[in-house]
Amino acid sequence: MHTLVVYETIYGNTHAVAEGIAGGLRAHGEVRVVAVGHATPELVDWADLVIVGGPTHAHGMTRASTRKGAREAAAKPASELTIDPDAAEPGLREWLGSLDDGRGKPAAAFDTRVDGPALLTGRASVGIASQLRHHGFRLVAEPASFLVDRRTRLVPGESDRAARWGADLAAMRVPAG
């Protein structure tokens, strides 16, 4: 099985989760983990399973304005935040809007969000899943959330949980189309 894990990241948490998911998938085939800016149509075509994730900003997927705000927050003198080297434009929202027809290709969605009730925090994965469906992909799992704390650090154990989620997806032996 060929799996493509596409992620958008700002502070590196979604990148870490994407790598965790890939770790759980690697025993079941070839996995490529790419930042959204490097997710070409050829890579999507190559994959038997496409997994897409990003951070939750303002209850959903990032926008140019929320990405700018995140960079500004990290640039403040007292900030402990660091911008991940793969944090760049475009974001998932723009990339998903440019996707070709998925032709029923299996897909899954994930996000990172602040640890709290989803009703209060929002979930980017729901919007990601909706866009994947809209573009003809077939969702094979419920959207998943991986949690960060109030200081925007991945909650302990979430990378391991991501690896288990990846292994669970691979164990489905998802057939194409």
C-alpha atoms as a PDB file:
ATOM      1  CA  MET A   1       0.000   0.000   0.000  1.00  0.00           C
ATOM      2  CA  HIS A   2       1.216   3.509  -0.861  1.00  0.00           C
ATOM      3  CA  THR A   3       0.130   6.156   1.624  1.00  0.00           C
ATOM      4  CA  LEU A   4       0.507   9.894   1.327  1.00  0.00           C
ATOM      5  CA  VAL A   5       0.305  11.965   4.519  1.00  0.00           C
ATOM      6  CA  VAL A   6      -0.186  15.657   3.724  1.00  0.00           C
ATOM      7  CA  TYR A   7       0.068  18.152   6.567  1.00  0.00           C
ATOM      8  CA  GLU A   8      -0.055  21.847   7.239  1.00  0.00           C
ATOM      9  CA  THR A   9       1.831  23.024  10.292  1.00  0.00           C
ATOM     10  CA  ILE A  10       2.674  26.285  12.001  1.00  0.00           C
ATOM     11  CA  TYR A  11       4.427  25.434  15.267  1.00  0.00           C
ATOM     12  CA  GLY A  12       5.389  21.858  14.355  1.00  0.00           C
ATOM     13  CA  ASN A  13       2.714  19.929  16.238  1.00  0.00           C
ATOM     14  CA  THR A  14       0.785  18.805  13.162  1.00  0.00           C
ATOM     15  CA  HIS A  15       4.099  17.872  11.538  1.00  0.00           C
ATOM     16  CA  ALA A  16       4.923  15.677  14.568  1.00  0.00           C
ATOM     17  CA  VAL A  17       1.485  14.048  14.411  1.00  0.00           C
ATOM     18  CA  ALA A  18       1.889  13.392  10.664  1.00  0.00           C
ATOM     19  CA  GLU A  19       5.225  11.680  11.362  1.00  0.00           C
ATOM     20  CA  GLY A  20       3.571   9.652  14.141  1.00  0.00           C
ATOM     21  CA  ILE A  21       0.801   8.535  11.785  1.00  0.00           C
ATOM     22  CA  ALA A  22       3.412   7.584   9.185  1.00  0.00           C
ATOM     23  CA  GLY A  23       5.278   5.548  11.791  1.00  0.00           C
ATOM     24  CA  GLY A  24       2.174   3.465  12.355  1.00  0.00           C
ATOM     25  CA  LEU A  25       1.703   2.961   8.615  1.00  0.00           C
ATOM     26  CA  ARG A  26       5.251   2.036   7.576  1.00  0.00           C
ATOM     27  CA  ALA A  27       4.961  -1.638   8.509  1.00  0.00           C
ATOM     28  CA  HIS A  28       2.207  -1.894   5.895  1.00  0.00           C
ATOM     29  CA  GLY A  29       3.810  -0.246   2.880  1.00  0.00           C
ATOM     30  CA  GLU A  30       5.520   2.839   1.541  1.00  0.00           C
ATOM     31  CA  VAL A  31       4.629   6.150   3.180  1.00  0.00           C
ATOM     32  CA  ARG A  32       5.459   9.659   2.064  1.00  0.00           C
ATOM     33  CA  VAL A  33       4.966  12.552   4.477  1.00  0.00           C
ATOM     34  CA  VAL A  34       4.854  15.954   2.801  1.00  0.00           C
ATOM     35  CA  ALA A  35       4.069  19.508   3.791  1.00  0.00           C
ATOM     36  CA  VAL A  36       1.055  20.865   1.947  1.00  0.00           C
ATOM     37  CA  GLY A  37       3.225  23.093  -0.241  1.00  0.00           C
ATOM     38  CA  HIS A  38       4.925  19.988  -1.652  1.00  0.00           C
ATOM     39  CA  ALA A  39       1.803  17.851  -2.145  1.00  0.00           C
ATOM     40  CA  THR A  40       1.678  17.597  -5.925  1.00  0.00           C
ATOM     41  CA  PRO A  41      -1.093  16.011  -7.988  1.00  0.00           C
ATOM     42  CA  GLU A  42       1.417  13.294  -8.963  1.00  0.00           C
ATOM     43  CA  LEU A  43       1.890  12.332  -5.311  1.00  0.00           C
ATOM     44  CA  VAL A  44      -1.881  12.200  -4.778  1.00  0.00           C
ATOM     45  CA  ASP A  45      -2.169   9.950  -7.856  1.00  0.00           C
ATOM     46  CA  TRP A  46       0.637   7.717  -6.544  1.00  0.00           C
ATOM     47  CA  ALA A  47      -1.136   7.064  -3.247  1.00  0.00           C
ATOM     48  CA  ASP A  48      -3.593   4.275  -2.487  1.00  0.00           C
ATOM     49  CA  LEU A  49      -4.586   6.154   0.690  1.00  0.00           C
ATOM     50  CA  VAL A  50      -4.405   9.913   1.285  1.00  0.00           C
ATOM     51  CA  ILE A  51      -4.344  11.254   4.849  1.00  0.00           C
ATOM     52  CA  VAL A  52      -4.642  15.020   5.299  1.00  0.00           C
ATOM     53  CA  GLY A  53      -4.269  17.098   8.458  1.00  0.00           C
ATOM     54  CA  GLY A  54      -3.759  20.579   9.772  1.00  0.00           C
ATOM     55  CA  PRO A  55      -4.012  22.783  12.841  1.00  0.00           C
ATOM     56  CA  THR A  56      -7.312  24.140  14.071  1.00  0.00           C
ATOM     57  CA  HIS A  57      -7.472  27.946  13.961  1.00  0.00           C
ATOM     58  CA  ALA A  58     -10.616  29.907  14.816  1.00  0.00           C
ATOM     59  CA  HIS A  59     -12.698  26.686  14.951  1.00  0.00           C
ATOM     60  CA  GLY A  60     -11.620  25.371  11.541  1.00  0.00           C
ATOM     61  CA  MET A  61      -8.897  25.183   8.935  1.00  0.00           C
ATOM     62  CA  THR A  62      -6.337  27.964   8.848  1.00  0.00           C
ATOM     63  CA  ARG A  63      -6.755  31.029   6.673  1.00  0.00           C
ATOM     64  CA  ALA A  64      -4.083  33.444   5.487  1.00  0.00           C
ATOM     65  CA  SER A  65      -5.096  35.802   8.311  1.00  0.00           C
ATOM     66  CA  THR A  66      -4.824  33.146  11.051  1.00  0.00           C
ATOM     67  CA  ARG A  67      -1.464  31.950   9.723  1.00  0.00           C
ATOM     68  CA  LYS A  68      -0.245  35.553   9.789  1.00  0.00           C
ATOM     69  CA  GLY A  69      -1.510  35.920  13.370  1.00  0.00           C
ATOM     70  CA  ALA A  70       0.316  32.725  14.399  1.00  0.00           C
ATOM     71  CA  ARG A  71       3.583  34.002  12.903  1.00  0.00           C
ATOM     72  CA  GLU A  72       3.126  37.342  14.667  1.00  0.00           C
ATOM     73  CA  ALA A  73       2.502  35.561  17.995  1.00  0.00           C
ATOM     74  CA  ALA A  74       5.738  33.603  17.576  1.00  0.00           C
ATOM     75  CA  ALA A  75       7.677  36.777  16.764  1.00  0.00           C
ATOM     76  CA  LYS A  76       6.772  38.515  20.027  1.00  0.00           C
ATOM     77  CA  PRO A  77       9.804  38.979  22.310  1.00  0.00           C
ATOM     78  CA  ALA A  78       8.409  36.925  25.213  1.00  0.00           C
ATOM     79  CA  SER A  79       7.025  34.158  23.004  1.00  0.00           C
ATOM     80  CA  GLU A  80       8.133  30.554  23.495  1.00  0.00           C
ATOM     81  CA  LEU A  81       6.594  29.613  20.135  1.00  0.00           C
ATOM     82  CA  THR A  82       8.747  28.560  17.203  1.00  0.00           C
ATOM     83  CA  ILE A  83       7.644  28.479  13.594  1.00  0.00           C
ATOM     84  CA  ASP A  84       8.217  25.073  11.967  1.00  0.00           C
ATOM     85  CA  PRO A  85      10.474  25.227   8.869  1.00  0.00           C
ATOM     86  CA  ASP A  86       7.603  23.698   6.848  1.00  0.00           C
ATOM     87  CA  ALA A  87       5.124  26.432   7.808  1.00  0.00           C
ATOM     88  CA  ALA A  88       4.469  28.145   4.522  1.00  0.00           C
ATOM     89  CA  GLU A  89       1.753  29.197   2.145  1.00  0.00           C
ATOM     90  CA  PRO A  90      -0.489  27.821   0.760  1.00  0.00           C
ATOM     91  CA  GLY A  91      -2.501  26.280   3.550  1.00  0.00           C
ATOM     92  CA  LEU A  92      -4.733  23.233   3.390  1.00  0.00           C
ATOM     93  CA  ARG A  93      -7.810  25.296   2.618  1.00  0.00           C
ATOM     94  CA  GLU A  94      -6.206  26.546  -0.605  1.00  0.00           C
ATOM     95  CA  TRP A  95      -4.660  23.175  -1.478  1.00  0.00           C
ATOM     96  CA  LEU A  96      -7.919  21.297  -0.953  1.00  0.00           C
ATOM     97  CA  GLY A  97      -9.672  23.820  -3.186  1.00  0.00           C
ATOM     98  CA  SER A  98      -7.280  22.969  -6.005  1.00  0.00           C
ATOM     99  CA  LEU A  99      -7.610  19.172  -5.818  1.00  0.00           C
ATOM    100  CA  ASP A 100      -8.702  17.157  -8.812  1.00  0.00           C
ATOM    101  CA  ASP A 101     -11.419  14.535  -8.536  1.00  0.00           C
ATOM    102  CA  GLY A 102     -10.330  11.862  -6.061  1.00  0.00           C
ATOM    103  CA  ARG A 103     -12.232   9.191  -8.028  1.00  0.00           C
ATOM    104  CA  GLY A 104     -13.271   7.399  -4.834  1.00  0.00           C
ATOM    105  CA  LYS A 105      -9.706   7.131  -3.528  1.00  0.00           C
ATOM    106  CA  PRO A 106      -9.633   6.248   0.206  1.00  0.00           C
ATOM    107  CA  ALA A 107      -8.812   9.170   2.488  1.00  0.00           C
ATOM    108  CA  ALA A 108      -8.777  10.224   6.133  1.00  0.00           C
ATOM    109  CA  ALA A 109      -8.574  13.566   7.928  1.00  0.00           C
ATOM    110  CA  PHE A 110      -6.939  14.710  11.167  1.00  0.00           C
ATOM    111  CA  ASP A 111      -6.205  17.910  13.016  1.00  0.00           C
ATOM    112  CA  THR A 112      -4.406  19.312  15.998  1.00  0.00           C
ATOM    113  CA  ARG A 113      -6.402  21.422  18.397  1.00  0.00           C
ATOM    114  CA  VAL A 114      -6.341  22.754  21.929  1.00  0.00           C
ATOM    115  CA  ASP A 115      -7.276  20.177  24.549  1.00  0.00           C
ATOM    116  CA  GLY A 116     -10.892  20.959  25.386  1.00  0.00           C
ATOM    117  CA  PRO A 117     -14.424  20.218  24.228  1.00  0.00           C
ATOM    118  CA  ALA A 118     -14.597  20.231  20.427  1.00  0.00           C
ATOM    119  CA  LEU A 119     -17.704  22.408  20.654  1.00  0.00           C
ATOM    120  CA  LEU A 120     -15.485  25.152  22.098  1.00  0.00           C
ATOM    121  CA  THR A 121     -12.246  24.528  20.204  1.00  0.00           C
ATOM    122  CA  GLY A 122     -13.562  23.576  16.793  1.00  0.00           C
ATOM    123  CA  ARG A 123     -12.055  20.835  14.635  1.00  0.00           C
ATOM    124  CA  ALA A 124     -10.245  21.506  11.378  1.00  0.00           C
ATOM    125  CA  SER A 125     -10.525  17.795  10.549  1.00  0.00           C
ATOM    126  CA  VAL A 126     -14.271  18.108   9.994  1.00  0.00           C
ATOM    127  CA  GLY A 127     -13.725  20.746   7.293  1.00  0.00           C
ATOM    128  CA  ILE A 128     -10.844  18.762   5.813  1.00  0.00           C
ATOM    129  CA  ALA A 129     -13.031  15.647   5.628  1.00  0.00           C
ATOM    130  CA  SER A 130     -15.851  17.630   4.038  1.00  0.00           C
ATOM    131  CA  GLN A 131     -13.518  19.024   1.373  1.00  0.00           C
ATOM    132  CA  LEU A 132     -12.035  15.591   0.659  1.00  0.00           C
ATOM    133  CA  ARG A 133     -15.561  14.195   0.179  1.00  0.00           C
ATOM    134  CA  HIS A 134     -16.491  17.191  -1.990  1.00  0.00           C
ATOM    135  CA  HIS A 135     -13.529  16.396  -4.238  1.00  0.00           C
ATOM    136  CA  GLY A 136     -14.532  12.760  -4.698  1.00  0.00           C
ATOM    137  CA  PHE A 137     -12.428  11.032  -2.037  1.00  0.00           C
ATOM    138  CA  ARG A 138     -13.974   8.244   0.054  1.00  0.00           C
ATOM    139  CA  LEU A 139     -13.480   8.687   3.802  1.00  0.00           C
ATOM    140  CA  VAL A 140     -12.475   5.461   5.520  1.00  0.00           C
ATOM    141  CA  ALA A 141     -12.361   6.754   9.103  1.00  0.00           C
ATOM    142  CA  GLU A 142     -13.960   9.378  11.270  1.00  0.00           C
ATOM    143  CA  PRO A 143     -11.924  12.604  11.443  1.00  0.00           C
ATOM    144  CA  ALA A 144      -9.373  12.439  14.282  1.00  0.00           C
ATOM    145  CA  SER A 145      -8.094  15.158  16.598  1.00  0.00           C
ATOM    146  CA  PHE A 146      -4.733  15.217  18.346  1.00  0.00           C
ATOM    147  CA  LEU A 147      -4.371  17.589  21.251  1.00  0.00           C
ATOM    148  CA  VAL A 148      -2.073  20.441  22.203  1.00  0.00           C
ATOM    149  CA  ASP A 149      -2.003  22.185  25.572  1.00  0.00           C
ATOM    150  CA  ARG A 150      -2.700  25.865  26.249  1.00  0.00           C
ATOM    151  CA  ARG A 151       0.987  26.647  25.598  1.00  0.00           C
ATOM    152  CA  THR A 152       0.620  25.122  22.122  1.00  0.00           C
ATOM    153  CA  ARG A 153       2.682  22.025  22.885  1.00  0.00           C
ATOM    154  CA  LEU A 154       1.628  18.533  21.876  1.00  0.00           C
ATOM    155  CA  VAL A 155       0.038  16.754  24.842  1.00  0.00           C
ATOM    156  CA  PRO A 156       2.206  13.828  26.041  1.00  0.00           C
ATOM    157  CA  GLY A 157       1.214  10.559  24.408  1.00  0.00           C
ATOM    158  CA  GLU A 158      -0.376  12.133  21.305  1.00  0.00           C
ATOM    159  CA  SER A 159       2.454  11.088  18.962  1.00  0.00           C
ATOM    160  CA  ASP A 160       2.016   7.490  20.153  1.00  0.00           C
ATOM    161  CA  ARG A 161      -1.752   7.770  19.700  1.00  0.00           C
ATOM    162  CA  ALA A 162      -1.134   9.080  16.166  1.00  0.00           C
ATOM    163  CA  ALA A 163       1.024   6.027  15.401  1.00  0.00           C
ATOM    164  CA  ARG A 164      -1.765   3.739  16.640  1.00  0.00           C
ATOM    165  CA  TRP A 165      -4.298   5.599  14.485  1.00  0.00           C
ATOM    166  CA  GLY A 166      -2.014   5.168  11.463  1.00  0.00           C
ATOM    167  CA  ALA A 167      -1.608   1.454  12.185  1.00  0.00           C
ATOM    168  CA  ASP A 168      -5.382   1.106  12.532  1.00  0.00           C
ATOM    169  CA  LEU A 169      -5.884   2.764   9.144  1.00  0.00           C
ATOM    170  CA  ALA A 170      -3.324   0.452   7.536  1.00  0.00           C
ATOM    171  CA  ALA A 171      -4.903  -2.605   9.166  1.00  0.00           C
ATOM    172  CA  MET A 172      -8.132  -1.847   7.323  1.00  0.00           C
ATOM    173  CA  ARG A 173      -6.378  -2.917   4.123  1.00  0.00           C
ATOM    174  CA  VAL A 174      -8.329  -0.204   2.388  1.00  0.00           C
ATOM    175  CA  PRO A 175      -9.226  -1.214  -1.185  1.00  0.00           C
ATOM    176  CA  ALA A 176      -9.035   1.484  -3.852  1.00  0.00           C
ATOM    177  CA  GLY A 177     -12.214   2.848  -5.435  1.00  0.00           C
END
